[in-house]
Amino acid sequence: RMEQETGTYMFMALDARGEERLIIFCHDAGSKTGTNGRMAAERLVNEMIQEKLRDDGGGGRGRSDSRSRSRSPSRRGRRSPSRRGGG
């Protein structure tokens, strides 16, 4: 659904440390308020995650897999190469 709405192609991949990353591809970087492109797709994904966290009461551990849950304190500032570009 999100791919169709934003004109993107998305999939999950493991990075060099074995952590899952959502990869968003599109020739259009998009804009902060636009409805198409990578920025729009990222915004929809973040909204969906926030909605899910609210519905779960903020602490839902609905995943049943064996991956480590330890994460660095802040991942917000890190950017992947696929998010490069203007706007």
N, C-alpha and C. Protein backbone atom coordinates (compact mmCIF):
# COMPACT_ATOMS: atom_id res chain seq x y z
N ARG A 1 0.83 -1.19 0.00
CA ARG A 1 0.00 0.00 0.00
C ARG A 1 0.87 1.26 0.00
N MET A 2 1.85 1.33 0.90
CA MET A 2 2.70 2.52 0.98
C MET A 2 3.51 2.71 -0.29
N GLU A 3 3.94 1.62 -0.89
CA GLU A 3 4.71 1.73 -2.12
C GLU A 3 3.86 2.34 -3.24
N GLN A 4 2.61 1.92 -3.32
CA GLN A 4 1.72 2.45 -4.35
C GLN A 4 1.41 3.91 -4.10
N GLU A 5 1.19 4.28 -2.85
CA GLU A 5 0.85 5.67 -2.50
C GLU A 5 1.99 6.64 -2.78
N THR A 6 3.22 6.18 -2.58
CA THR A 6 4.37 7.09 -2.66
C THR A 6 5.23 6.89 -3.90
N GLY A 7 4.95 5.86 -4.69
CA GLY A 7 5.75 5.60 -5.88
C GLY A 7 7.13 5.09 -5.56
N THR A 8 7.25 4.34 -4.46
CA THR A 8 8.55 3.82 -4.03
C THR A 8 8.56 2.31 -4.08
N TYR A 9 9.75 1.75 -3.85
CA TYR A 9 9.94 0.31 -3.70
C TYR A 9 10.69 0.12 -2.39
N MET A 10 10.15 -0.71 -1.50
CA MET A 10 10.74 -0.89 -0.16
C MET A 10 10.96 -2.37 0.13
N PHE A 11 12.02 -2.64 0.88
CA PHE A 11 12.23 -3.98 1.41
C PHE A 11 13.14 -3.91 2.62
N MET A 12 13.15 -5.00 3.39
CA MET A 12 13.99 -5.11 4.58
C MET A 12 15.28 -5.81 4.19
N ALA A 13 16.40 -5.33 4.77
CA ALA A 13 17.70 -5.94 4.52
C ALA A 13 18.52 -5.87 5.80
N LEU A 14 19.51 -6.75 5.91
CA LEU A 14 20.40 -6.74 7.06
C LEU A 14 21.61 -5.87 6.74
N ASP A 15 22.02 -5.05 7.71
CA ASP A 15 23.22 -4.26 7.51
C ASP A 15 24.45 -5.08 7.91
N ALA A 16 25.61 -4.46 7.93
CA ALA A 16 26.87 -5.16 8.21
C ALA A 16 26.89 -5.78 9.60
N ARG A 17 26.13 -5.23 10.55
CA ARG A 17 26.07 -5.77 11.91
C ARG A 17 24.95 -6.78 12.09
N GLY A 18 24.21 -7.06 11.03
CA GLY A 18 23.13 -8.02 11.12
C GLY A 18 21.82 -7.42 11.62
N GLU A 19 21.72 -6.10 11.68
CA GLU A 19 20.49 -5.44 12.11
C GLU A 19 19.61 -5.18 10.90
N GLU A 20 18.29 -5.31 11.09
CA GLU A 20 17.36 -5.07 10.00
C GLU A 20 17.25 -3.58 9.69
N ARG A 21 17.19 -3.27 8.41
CA ARG A 21 17.00 -1.90 7.94
C ARG A 21 15.90 -1.90 6.88
N LEU A 22 15.07 -0.89 6.90
CA LEU A 22 14.10 -0.70 5.85
C LEU A 22 14.76 0.14 4.77
N ILE A 23 14.80 -0.38 3.56
CA ILE A 23 15.41 0.32 2.44
C ILE A 23 14.29 0.87 1.57
N ILE A 24 14.34 2.17 1.28
CA ILE A 24 13.32 2.83 0.46
C ILE A 24 13.99 3.34 -0.81
N PHE A 25 13.50 2.88 -1.96
CA PHE A 25 14.05 3.28 -3.24
C PHE A 25 13.04 4.11 -4.03
N CYS A 26 13.52 5.14 -4.68
CA CYS A 26 12.72 5.93 -5.60
C CYS A 26 13.62 6.96 -6.25
N HIS A 27 13.37 7.27 -7.50
CA HIS A 27 14.16 8.30 -8.18
C HIS A 27 13.86 9.68 -7.59
N ASP A 28 12.68 9.81 -6.95
CA ASP A 28 12.22 11.08 -6.38
C ASP A 28 12.50 11.10 -4.87
N ALA A 29 13.34 12.02 -4.41
CA ALA A 29 13.61 12.13 -2.98
C ALA A 29 12.36 12.58 -2.22
N GLY A 30 11.49 13.32 -2.89
CA GLY A 30 10.28 13.83 -2.24
C GLY A 30 10.56 15.12 -1.50
N SER A 31 9.58 15.52 -0.70
CA SER A 31 9.72 16.75 0.09
C SER A 31 9.06 16.54 1.45
N LYS A 32 9.28 17.48 2.34
CA LYS A 32 8.75 17.34 3.70
C LYS A 32 7.23 17.23 3.73
N THR A 33 6.56 17.86 2.80
CA THR A 33 5.10 17.86 2.82
C THR A 33 4.48 17.13 1.64
N GLY A 34 5.29 16.63 0.72
CA GLY A 34 4.78 15.97 -0.48
C GLY A 34 4.17 14.60 -0.20
N THR A 35 3.48 14.07 -1.20
CA THR A 35 2.83 12.76 -1.06
C THR A 35 3.54 11.68 -1.85
N ASN A 36 4.59 12.03 -2.57
CA ASN A 36 5.36 11.06 -3.35
C ASN A 36 6.83 11.12 -2.99
N GLY A 37 7.52 10.01 -3.24
CA GLY A 37 8.96 9.97 -3.05
C GLY A 37 9.38 9.34 -1.73
N ARG A 38 10.71 9.30 -1.54
CA ARG A 38 11.29 8.63 -0.37
C ARG A 38 10.88 9.28 0.95
N MET A 39 10.84 10.62 0.98
CA MET A 39 10.47 11.30 2.23
C MET A 39 9.03 10.98 2.62
N ALA A 40 8.14 10.94 1.66
CA ALA A 40 6.74 10.61 1.95
C ALA A 40 6.63 9.18 2.47
N ALA A 41 7.37 8.26 1.87
CA ALA A 41 7.35 6.87 2.31
C ALA A 41 7.89 6.75 3.74
N GLU A 42 8.99 7.44 4.01
CA GLU A 42 9.56 7.41 5.36
C GLU A 42 8.56 7.96 6.38
N ARG A 43 7.89 9.04 6.00
CA ARG A 43 6.90 9.64 6.90
C ARG A 43 5.75 8.67 7.17
N LEU A 44 5.25 7.99 6.14
CA LEU A 44 4.18 7.01 6.34
C LEU A 44 4.62 5.86 7.24
N VAL A 45 5.83 5.37 7.02
CA VAL A 45 6.35 4.29 7.86
C VAL A 45 6.43 4.74 9.31
N ASN A 46 6.98 5.94 9.55
CA ASN A 46 7.08 6.45 10.92
C ASN A 46 5.72 6.64 11.56
N GLU A 47 4.74 7.13 10.79
CA GLU A 47 3.38 7.29 11.32
C GLU A 47 2.79 5.94 11.69
N MET A 48 3.01 4.93 10.84
CA MET A 48 2.49 3.59 11.12
C MET A 48 3.13 3.02 12.39
N ILE A 49 4.42 3.23 12.56
CA ILE A 49 5.10 2.73 13.76
C ILE A 49 4.57 3.43 15.00
N GLN A 50 4.42 4.75 14.95
CA GLN A 50 3.90 5.49 16.10
C GLN A 50 2.48 5.05 16.45
N GLU A 51 1.65 4.83 15.43
CA GLU A 51 0.29 4.36 15.66
C GLU A 51 0.29 3.00 16.34
N LYS A 52 1.14 2.11 15.86
CA LYS A 52 1.25 0.77 16.44
C LYS A 52 1.71 0.85 17.90
N LEU A 53 2.70 1.71 18.17
CA LEU A 53 3.19 1.86 19.54
C LEU A 53 2.09 2.41 20.45
N ARG A 54 1.30 3.35 19.95
CA ARG A 54 0.18 3.89 20.75
C ARG A 54 -0.85 2.80 21.03
N ASP A 55 -1.19 2.02 20.00
CA ASP A 55 -2.18 0.95 20.16
C ASP A 55 -1.72 -0.12 21.13
N ASP A 56 -0.42 -0.37 21.16
CA ASP A 56 0.15 -1.39 22.05
C ASP A 56 0.44 -0.84 23.43
N GLY A 57 0.15 0.42 23.67
CA GLY A 57 0.45 1.01 24.97
C GLY A 57 1.90 1.45 25.09
N GLY A 58 2.62 1.51 23.99
CA GLY A 58 3.98 2.03 24.00
C GLY A 58 5.05 1.01 24.31
N GLY A 59 4.68 -0.16 24.81
CA GLY A 59 5.72 -1.11 25.17
C GLY A 59 5.50 -2.48 24.60
N GLY A 60 4.78 -2.55 23.50
CA GLY A 60 4.45 -3.85 22.93
C GLY A 60 5.66 -4.63 22.49
N ARG A 61 5.76 -5.87 22.93
CA ARG A 61 6.83 -6.77 22.47
C ARG A 61 6.18 -7.87 21.65
N GLY A 62 5.50 -7.47 20.61
CA GLY A 62 4.74 -8.41 19.82
C GLY A 62 5.57 -9.30 18.93
N ARG A 63 6.88 -9.08 18.86
CA ARG A 63 7.71 -9.88 17.98
C ARG A 63 8.12 -11.16 18.68
N SER A 64 8.10 -12.22 17.93
CA SER A 64 8.51 -13.50 18.51
C SER A 64 9.68 -14.05 17.70
N ASP A 65 10.83 -13.38 17.87
CA ASP A 65 12.00 -13.89 17.19
C ASP A 65 13.19 -13.86 18.14
N SER A 66 14.32 -14.36 17.69
CA SER A 66 15.44 -14.56 18.59
C SER A 66 16.49 -13.46 18.49
N ARG A 67 16.22 -12.41 17.73
CA ARG A 67 17.22 -11.35 17.59
C ARG A 67 17.40 -10.59 18.89
N SER A 68 18.59 -10.08 19.08
CA SER A 68 18.90 -9.28 20.25
C SER A 68 18.07 -8.01 20.27
N ARG A 69 17.63 -7.60 21.43
CA ARG A 69 16.84 -6.39 21.56
C ARG A 69 17.70 -5.19 21.92
N SER A 70 18.99 -5.40 22.18
CA SER A 70 19.85 -4.28 22.58
C SER A 70 20.07 -3.36 21.40
N ARG A 71 19.91 -2.10 21.64
CA ARG A 71 20.09 -1.06 20.62
C ARG A 71 20.92 0.06 21.21
N SER A 72 21.53 0.82 20.36
CA SER A 72 22.27 1.97 20.85
C SER A 72 21.28 3.00 21.38
N PRO A 73 21.70 3.88 22.30
CA PRO A 73 20.77 4.82 22.93
C PRO A 73 20.02 5.69 21.94
N SER A 74 20.69 6.16 20.90
CA SER A 74 20.01 7.02 19.95
C SER A 74 20.40 6.65 18.53
N ARG A 75 19.41 6.27 17.73
CA ARG A 75 19.66 5.95 16.33
C ARG A 75 19.12 7.06 15.46
N ARG A 76 18.49 8.06 16.05
CA ARG A 76 17.81 9.11 15.31
C ARG A 76 18.75 9.89 14.40
N GLY A 77 19.95 10.18 14.87
CA GLY A 77 20.85 11.03 14.10
C GLY A 77 21.54 10.34 12.95
N ARG A 78 21.53 9.01 12.91
CA ARG A 78 22.23 8.30 11.85
C ARG A 78 21.39 8.25 10.59
N ARG A 79 22.03 8.45 9.47
CA ARG A 79 21.33 8.43 8.19
C ARG A 79 21.97 7.39 7.29
N SER A 80 21.14 6.68 6.58
CA SER A 80 21.68 5.72 5.62
C SER A 80 21.95 6.44 4.30
N PRO A 81 22.81 5.88 3.46
CA PRO A 81 23.11 6.52 2.18
C PRO A 81 21.88 6.68 1.30
N SER A 82 20.86 5.84 1.48
CA SER A 82 19.69 5.92 0.62
C SER A 82 18.84 7.14 0.90
N ARG A 83 19.11 7.84 2.00
CA ARG A 83 18.31 9.02 2.33
C ARG A 83 18.98 10.31 1.89
N ARG A 84 20.04 10.18 1.20
CA ARG A 84 20.80 11.33 0.73
C ARG A 84 19.99 12.07 -0.31
N GLY A 85 20.23 13.34 -0.43
CA GLY A 85 19.59 14.09 -1.50
C GLY A 85 18.89 15.31 -0.97
N GLY A 86 18.49 16.15 -1.85
CA GLY A 86 17.84 17.41 -1.51
C GLY A 86 16.42 17.23 -1.07
N GLY A 87 15.58 18.10 -1.46
CA GLY A 87 14.21 17.96 -1.07
C GLY A 87 13.40 18.92 -1.74
